[in-house]
Structure formats: C-alpha cells, structure tokens
Amino acid sequence: MTGDFEEIAPWLATHMDVNAFDLSGVNDKKLALSLEKDCASNLKRVIRPNTKIDDLTRIKAFLETKTVWHPRGF
C-alpha cells in the first residue's frame, strides 16, 4: 500500500478486515499509542514500536494455522 503513513495508518488500524498491525517502524510515540488504541477496537494483533525481534518471529506472530479435514466417502 502506498501513501502518507499518518493519513492511512489510523484508517487501517480501525478497519475490521485488517487483522494485524506491525508498528515496529513507528518513531512517533504519540502516533504509535493512538494506533495501538485504535487496533484494540477490534482486537488486532499488534507488534509494538521499537520491538527488537527478528524477521521470522515477527512473521510468525501474524500467522494462523488451521486443520481442515476432507472426509472421503467409500
């Protein structure tokens, strides 16, 4: 997604079809706090600003694993 972060981020944080938000690159503490509160309105997963975690762990925080059974008739 492209555009001005300060303009798009609040809209994404409150959007019901966005399930997770990575705030690790946000340097403005006031904006980060506001976005965290907005994300809480529909229980998004949030990686907080200035979090020191590696890329793989960051990605795993946003993954969901589901088991789907496909019964076969005999």
C-alpha atoms as a PDB file:
ATOM      1  CA  MET A   1       0.000   0.000   0.000  1.00  0.00           C
ATOM      2  CA  THR A   2       1.342   3.427  -0.825  1.00  0.00           C
ATOM      3  CA  GLY A   3       0.542   6.832   0.559  1.00  0.00           C
ATOM      4  CA  ASP A   4       1.166   9.072   3.534  1.00  0.00           C
ATOM      5  CA  PHE A   5       1.576   6.864   6.620  1.00  0.00           C
ATOM      6  CA  GLU A   6      -0.020   9.367   9.021  1.00  0.00           C
ATOM      7  CA  GLU A   7      -3.084   9.524   6.765  1.00  0.00           C
ATOM      8  CA  ILE A   8      -3.507   5.806   6.030  1.00  0.00           C
ATOM      9  CA  ALA A   9      -2.483   4.219   9.351  1.00  0.00           C
ATOM     10  CA  PRO A  10      -5.455   5.356  11.501  1.00  0.00           C
ATOM     11  CA  TRP A  11      -7.874   4.112   8.850  1.00  0.00           C
ATOM     12  CA  LEU A  12      -6.122   0.722   8.672  1.00  0.00           C
ATOM     13  CA  ALA A  13      -5.935   0.439  12.467  1.00  0.00           C
ATOM     14  CA  THR A  14      -9.724   0.680  12.777  1.00  0.00           C
ATOM     15  CA  HIS A  15     -10.629  -1.301   9.639  1.00  0.00           C
ATOM     16  CA  MET A  16     -12.437  -4.529  10.522  1.00  0.00           C
ATOM     17  CA  ASP A  17     -10.825  -6.536   7.678  1.00  0.00           C
ATOM     18  CA  VAL A  18      -7.259  -5.810   8.817  1.00  0.00           C
ATOM     19  CA  ASN A  19      -6.284  -8.486  11.349  1.00  0.00           C
ATOM     20  CA  ALA A  20      -2.792  -7.398  12.406  1.00  0.00           C
ATOM     21  CA  PHE A  21      -0.636  -4.287  12.598  1.00  0.00           C
ATOM     22  CA  ASP A  22       3.159  -4.015  12.743  1.00  0.00           C
ATOM     23  CA  LEU A  23       4.146  -0.766  14.459  1.00  0.00           C
ATOM     24  CA  SER A  24       7.828  -1.640  14.805  1.00  0.00           C
ATOM     25  CA  GLY A  25       8.908   1.142  12.427  1.00  0.00           C
ATOM     26  CA  VAL A  26       6.860   3.941  14.008  1.00  0.00           C
ATOM     27  CA  ASN A  27       9.103   6.509  15.699  1.00  0.00           C
ATOM     28  CA  ASP A  28       6.412   8.949  16.859  1.00  0.00           C
ATOM     29  CA  LYS A  29       5.353   7.700  20.322  1.00  0.00           C
ATOM     30  CA  LYS A  30       2.111   9.685  20.347  1.00  0.00           C
ATOM     31  CA  LEU A  31       1.060   8.273  16.962  1.00  0.00           C
ATOM     32  CA  ALA A  32       2.063   4.739  17.998  1.00  0.00           C
ATOM     33  CA  LEU A  33      -0.034   4.934  21.174  1.00  0.00           C
ATOM     34  CA  SER A  34      -3.010   6.247  19.214  1.00  0.00           C
ATOM     35  CA  LEU A  35      -2.680   3.428  16.670  1.00  0.00           C
ATOM     36  CA  GLU A  36      -2.412   0.800  19.427  1.00  0.00           C
ATOM     37  CA  LYS A  37      -5.657   2.092  20.947  1.00  0.00           C
ATOM     38  CA  ASP A  38      -7.342   2.056  17.530  1.00  0.00           C
ATOM     39  CA  CYS A  39      -6.176  -1.524  16.942  1.00  0.00           C
ATOM     40  CA  ALA A  40      -7.704  -2.570  20.258  1.00  0.00           C
ATOM     41  CA  SER A  41     -11.163  -1.611  18.989  1.00  0.00           C
ATOM     42  CA  ASN A  42     -11.383  -4.938  17.137  1.00  0.00           C
ATOM     43  CA  LEU A  43      -8.632  -6.983  18.831  1.00  0.00           C
ATOM     44  CA  LYS A  44      -5.911  -6.849  16.181  1.00  0.00           C
ATOM     45  CA  ARG A  45      -2.545  -8.475  16.759  1.00  0.00           C
ATOM     46  CA  VAL A  46      -0.025  -5.678  17.245  1.00  0.00           C
ATOM     47  CA  ILE A  47       3.751  -5.647  17.229  1.00  0.00           C
ATOM     48  CA  ARG A  48       4.671  -2.657  19.335  1.00  0.00           C
ATOM     49  CA  PRO A  49       7.116   0.071  18.273  1.00  0.00           C
ATOM     50  CA  ASN A  50      10.828  -0.420  18.869  1.00  0.00           C
ATOM     51  CA  THR A  51      10.371  -4.148  19.396  1.00  0.00           C
ATOM     52  CA  LYS A  52      13.667  -5.958  18.930  1.00  0.00           C
ATOM     53  CA  ILE A  53      12.622  -9.246  17.333  1.00  0.00           C
ATOM     54  CA  ASP A  54      13.959 -10.991  14.258  1.00  0.00           C
ATOM     55  CA  ASP A  55      12.009 -11.098  10.994  1.00  0.00           C
ATOM     56  CA  LEU A  56      10.881 -14.726  11.277  1.00  0.00           C
ATOM     57  CA  THR A  57       9.452 -14.250  14.770  1.00  0.00           C
ATOM     58  CA  ARG A  58       7.656 -11.115  13.593  1.00  0.00           C
ATOM     59  CA  ILE A  59       6.042 -13.031  10.735  1.00  0.00           C
ATOM     60  CA  LYS A  60       5.049 -15.943  12.996  1.00  0.00           C
ATOM     61  CA  ALA A  61       3.144 -13.555  15.258  1.00  0.00           C
ATOM     62  CA  PHE A  62       0.752 -12.887  12.369  1.00  0.00           C
ATOM     63  CA  LEU A  63       0.244 -16.470  11.164  1.00  0.00           C
ATOM     64  CA  GLU A  64      -2.713 -18.691  11.914  1.00  0.00           C
ATOM     65  CA  THR A  65      -2.676 -22.436  11.389  1.00  0.00           C
ATOM     66  CA  LYS A  66      -5.908 -24.324  10.832  1.00  0.00           C
ATOM     67  CA  THR A  67      -6.525 -28.004  10.268  1.00  0.00           C
ATOM     68  CA  VAL A  68      -9.084 -28.836   7.620  1.00  0.00           C
ATOM     69  CA  TRP A  69     -10.492 -32.350   7.360  1.00  0.00           C
ATOM     70  CA  HIS A  70     -11.720 -33.627   3.994  1.00  0.00           C
ATOM     71  CA  PRO A  71     -13.630 -36.855   4.605  1.00  0.00           C
ATOM     72  CA  ARG A  72     -13.710 -39.322   1.737  1.00  0.00           C
ATOM     73  CA  GLY A  73     -16.713 -41.473   1.028  1.00  0.00           C
ATOM     74  CA  PHE A  74     -16.231 -45.194   0.485  1.00  0.00           C
END
